[in-house]
Protein backbone atom coordinates (compact mmCIF):
# COMPACT_ATOMS: atom_id res chain seq x y z
CA MET A 1 186.49 28.66 232.18
CA ARG A 2 187.61 25.55 234.02
CA PRO A 3 191.33 25.95 234.80
CA LYS A 4 193.92 23.42 233.64
CA GLN A 5 196.24 24.23 236.54
CA SER A 6 195.49 25.88 239.87
CA TYR A 7 197.65 27.19 242.66
CA THR A 8 197.03 28.84 246.00
CA ILE A 9 198.93 31.55 247.82
CA TRP A 10 198.42 31.04 251.56
CA PHE A 11 199.09 34.09 253.69
CA SER A 12 198.51 36.00 256.86
CA GLN A 13 198.21 39.77 256.73
CA ARG A 14 201.17 42.06 255.94
CA THR A 15 203.43 39.48 254.30
CA GLY A 16 203.63 41.08 250.84
CA SER A 17 200.97 38.86 249.32
CA THR A 18 199.16 41.65 247.47
CA LEU A 19 202.46 42.93 246.07
CA LEU A 20 203.26 39.43 244.79
CA CYS A 21 199.80 38.99 243.29
CA GLU A 22 200.10 42.25 241.34
CA ALA A 23 203.51 41.19 240.05
CA LEU A 24 202.22 37.77 238.97
CA LYS A 25 199.17 39.25 237.25
CA SER A 26 201.46 41.57 235.29
CA THR A 27 203.11 38.58 233.61
CA GLY A 28 199.86 37.43 232.01
CA VAL A 29 200.73 33.76 232.52
CA ALA A 30 200.19 33.11 236.23
CA GLY A 31 196.47 33.60 236.70
CA ASN A 32 194.54 36.72 237.63
CA ILE A 33 195.32 35.93 241.22
CA GLY A 34 193.67 37.68 244.14
CA GLU A 35 191.31 37.22 247.08
CA LEU A 36 188.59 35.94 244.77
CA LEU A 37 186.45 34.56 247.60
CA HIS A 38 186.87 37.56 249.89
CA GLY A 39 183.54 38.45 251.50
CA VAL A 40 181.77 35.38 250.12
CA ASP A 41 179.69 33.47 252.66
CA PRO A 42 180.96 29.86 252.58
CA HIS A 43 177.42 28.62 253.18
CA ALA A 44 176.29 30.37 249.98
CA ILE A 45 178.95 28.89 247.69
CA ASN A 46 177.52 26.88 244.81
CA LYS A 47 178.77 25.66 241.45
CA ASP A 48 177.86 28.97 239.80
CA THR A 49 180.03 30.74 242.38
CA MET A 50 182.96 28.51 241.49
CA GLU A 51 182.44 28.96 237.74
CA HIS A 52 182.59 32.73 238.30
CA VAL A 53 185.72 32.42 240.45
CA TRP A 54 187.46 30.18 237.89
CA LYS A 55 186.64 32.60 235.09
CA ALA A 56 187.84 35.63 237.05
CA GLY A 57 191.09 34.02 238.17
CA THR A 58 192.28 32.22 235.04
CA THR A 59 194.61 33.58 232.38
CA PRO A 60 194.28 32.47 228.71
CA ASN A 61 196.91 29.74 229.22
CA GLY A 62 194.55 27.98 231.66
CA VAL A 63 196.41 28.88 234.86
CA PHE A 64 194.27 29.84 237.85
CA GLY A 65 195.49 31.43 241.07
CA ILE A 66 193.79 32.36 244.32
CA LYS A 67 195.04 33.98 247.53
CA LEU A 68 193.54 32.84 250.84
CA ASN A 69 193.92 32.51 254.57
CA TYR A 70 193.14 28.99 255.70
CA ASP A 71 189.44 28.78 256.56
CA GLN A 72 187.95 25.48 257.71
CA SER A 73 184.47 26.67 256.79
CA LEU A 74 185.58 26.90 253.15
CA VAL A 75 186.90 23.34 253.24
CA ASP A 76 183.61 22.18 254.76
CA ALA A 77 181.65 24.07 252.08
CA PHE A 78 183.68 22.52 249.26
CA ARG A 79 183.36 19.05 250.78
CA LYS A 80 179.57 19.43 250.78
CA LEU A 81 179.42 21.05 247.33
CA TYR A 82 181.36 18.24 245.67
CA ALA A 83 179.78 15.46 247.78
CA LEU A 84 183.09 14.24 249.18
CA PRO A 85 183.10 11.99 252.25
CA ASP A 86 184.44 13.13 255.60
CA THR A 87 187.34 10.73 255.10
CA ALA A 88 188.54 12.52 251.95
CA PRO A 89 191.82 14.37 252.63
CA THR A 90 191.58 18.15 252.62
CA ALA A 91 193.96 18.30 249.65
CA GLU A 92 191.47 16.22 247.64
CA VAL A 93 188.71 18.62 248.66
CA TRP A 94 190.88 21.55 247.57
CA SER A 95 191.57 19.96 244.19
CA ALA A 96 187.85 19.44 243.64
CA ALA A 97 187.28 23.15 244.14
CA PHE A 98 190.37 24.25 242.22
CA PRO A 99 191.13 21.78 239.39
CA GLY A 100 194.75 20.80 238.87
CA SER A 101 195.65 22.15 242.30
CA THR A 102 199.15 20.78 242.88
CA LYS A 103 201.10 23.95 243.67
CA HIS A 104 201.01 25.84 246.96
CA ILE A 105 202.87 28.98 248.02
CA PHE A 106 203.19 29.95 251.67
CA MET A 107 203.94 33.58 252.49
CA THR A 108 205.33 34.44 255.88
CA ARG A 109 207.27 37.13 257.70
CA ARG A 110 210.09 36.46 260.13
CA ASN A 111 209.47 39.40 262.44
CA LYS A 112 205.97 38.90 263.80
CA VAL A 113 206.11 42.07 265.89
CA ARG A 114 206.75 44.20 262.83
CA LEU A 115 203.99 42.28 261.04
CA ALA A 116 201.53 43.02 263.85
CA VAL A 117 202.53 46.68 264.04
CA SER A 118 202.07 47.02 260.28
CA TRP A 119 198.67 45.33 260.56
CA TRP A 120 197.53 47.57 263.42
CA ARG A 121 198.79 50.68 261.62
CA ALA A 122 196.73 49.71 258.56
CA ILE A 123 193.64 49.12 260.70
CA VAL A 124 193.77 52.50 262.47
CA SER A 125 194.88 54.53 259.45
CA GLY A 126 192.73 52.81 256.82
CA GLU A 127 195.74 52.79 254.50
CA TRP A 128 196.48 49.19 253.59
CA HIS A 129 198.51 49.91 250.47
CA ARG A 130 200.02 52.97 248.83
CA GLN A 131 200.29 52.94 245.08
CA HIS A 132 203.82 53.50 243.85
CA GLY A 133 204.55 57.22 243.58
CA ALA A 134 201.35 58.28 245.36
CA LYS A 135 201.48 61.06 247.92
CA PRO A 136 201.52 59.71 251.50
CA GLN A 137 198.24 60.18 253.32
CA GLU A 138 198.24 62.27 256.46
CA HIS A 139 197.30 60.30 259.56
CA GLU A 140 196.95 61.21 263.22
CA LEU A 141 198.62 58.10 264.58
CA ALA A 142 200.54 59.40 267.59
CA ASP A 143 197.89 58.28 270.10
CA GLN A 144 196.79 55.12 268.27
CA TYR A 145 199.28 52.72 269.84
CA LYS A 146 197.46 49.90 271.64
CA PHE A 147 199.54 47.23 273.36
CA GLU A 148 196.70 44.69 273.65
CA ALA A 149 195.70 45.14 270.01
CA ILE A 150 199.22 44.51 268.78
CA ARG A 151 199.62 41.50 271.07
CA HIS A 152 196.35 40.08 269.75
CA LEU A 153 197.60 40.48 266.16
CA VAL A 154 200.91 38.80 266.98
CA GLU A 155 198.94 35.82 268.28
CA GLU A 156 196.45 35.87 265.41
CA CYS A 157 199.08 35.86 262.69
CA MET A 158 200.83 32.91 264.35
CA LEU A 159 197.56 30.97 264.62
CA ARG A 160 196.79 31.62 260.96
CA GLU A 161 200.20 30.30 260.00
CA VAL A 162 199.74 27.25 262.22
CA ALA A 163 196.46 26.46 260.44
CA ILE A 164 198.17 26.72 257.04
CA GLU A 165 201.12 24.61 258.17
CA ASP A 166 198.78 21.98 259.61
CA PHE A 167 196.99 21.74 256.25
CA MET A 168 200.34 21.29 254.48
CA THR A 169 201.62 18.68 256.94
CA ALA A 170 198.40 16.68 256.98
CA ASN A 171 198.47 16.39 253.19
CA GLY A 172 202.19 15.90 252.66
CA ILE A 173 202.45 19.19 250.78
CA VAL A 174 205.83 20.91 250.47
CA PRO A 175 205.00 24.48 249.47
CA MET A 176 207.20 27.14 248.02
CA THR A 177 207.86 29.40 251.00
CA ILE A 178 208.33 33.13 250.43
CA VAL A 179 209.66 35.20 253.31
CA TYR A 180 208.59 38.85 253.22
CA GLU A 181 211.98 40.19 254.31
CA ASP A 182 213.67 38.33 251.43
CA PHE A 183 210.98 39.18 248.89
CA ILE A 184 211.33 42.94 249.31
CA GLN A 185 215.09 42.64 248.92
CA ASP A 186 214.79 40.66 245.68
CA TYR A 187 211.43 41.51 244.15
CA GLU A 188 212.03 40.45 240.54
CA GLY A 189 214.13 37.44 241.46
CA THR A 190 211.36 36.17 243.74
CA VAL A 191 208.71 36.56 241.04
CA LEU A 192 210.89 34.65 238.57
CA LYS A 193 211.32 31.84 241.10
CA VAL A 194 207.54 31.64 241.50
CA LEU A 195 207.08 31.36 237.73
CA ASP A 196 209.69 28.59 237.67
CA PHE A 197 207.90 26.84 240.54
CA LEU A 198 204.61 27.06 238.66
CA GLU A 199 206.36 25.92 235.47
CA VAL A 200 204.84 28.75 233.45
CA LYS A 201 207.81 31.07 232.83
CA PRO A 202 208.02 32.18 229.18
CA ASP A 203 211.37 32.94 227.56
CA ASN A 204 210.86 36.70 227.58
CA VAL A 205 208.75 37.43 230.63
CA THR A 206 207.90 41.01 231.58
CA ILE A 207 207.40 41.80 235.27
CA ALA A 208 205.88 45.14 236.25
CA SER A 209 207.70 47.35 238.74
CA PRO A 210 206.50 47.07 242.35
CA ALA A 211 202.93 48.33 242.54
CA PHE A 212 203.19 49.70 246.09
CA ASP A 213 205.47 51.87 248.19
CA ARG A 214 206.59 51.09 251.71
CA LEU A 215 204.25 52.26 254.48
CA ALA A 216 206.46 51.75 257.54
CA ASP A 217 207.66 55.04 259.00
CA ASP A 218 209.07 56.52 262.22
CA THR A 219 205.76 55.95 264.01
CA SER A 220 205.84 52.29 263.04
CA GLU A 221 209.35 51.91 264.43
CA GLN A 222 208.40 53.68 267.66
CA TRP A 223 205.51 51.24 268.14
CA VAL A 224 207.78 48.25 267.46
CA GLN A 225 210.28 49.36 270.08
CA ARG A 226 207.58 50.30 272.60
CA TYR A 227 205.89 46.92 272.22
CA ARG A 228 209.22 45.12 272.50
CA ARG A 229 209.91 46.86 275.82
CA GLU A 230 206.42 46.44 277.24
CA VAL A 231 205.90 42.78 276.36
CA GLN A 232 209.19 41.86 278.06
CA GLN A 233 208.95 44.11 281.10
CA SER A 234 208.44 41.16 283.48
CA TYR A 235 211.07 38.96 281.85
CA GLU A 236 214.15 38.15 283.86
CA ARG A 237 216.09 37.72 280.66
CA LYS A 238 215.14 39.79 277.64
CA ALA A 239 214.84 37.87 274.38
CA TRP A 240 215.08 40.92 272.11
């Protein structure tokens, strides 16, 4: 199924992107959006791969959605697959891979320290999401704090966002920006705004309740405060 309209959610980890994707899928009109190229070797992508991705990610109204980090190797693979010259703008390359690709959503999180702590907690616990109403898993996290790991993730999330923003700027794209801290305060309102942005909102849309429960806990907050103290210990003037 070749989509009539495509859109991309650009994200770094722990910005609520999976929660948003589940909400959008529940409407039945905004694509079966997800990380449809996760784990796929860019060098192995061919037209059959893309046909499969289009089919998996498109709802009956012809809307396709995909969630991705920016990955230059994907752009290079699409450029080669569709025989586009090196001079072709990356947005043109993206539209070749995802037909009708005119809409972009950028998910971010204001507090990068809390983002990095959430990311590290997920890595060491193995619990990336908790289905709504599920019993919390028991984790031995007390000794899992790692300053260097969290600092690396702070830097990595910023670099991922820079790559996304550079793609937008280079192509004159003004995305819809969703801030995690605002999204969790207004879940349904945010989803409705996305449907308006995509121009696919039906008169009587049904949005499922949030699919996941919050994972942050006392341990998370202790790590945030410990990192905040340690990263600034040599500062003459504390920023936070």
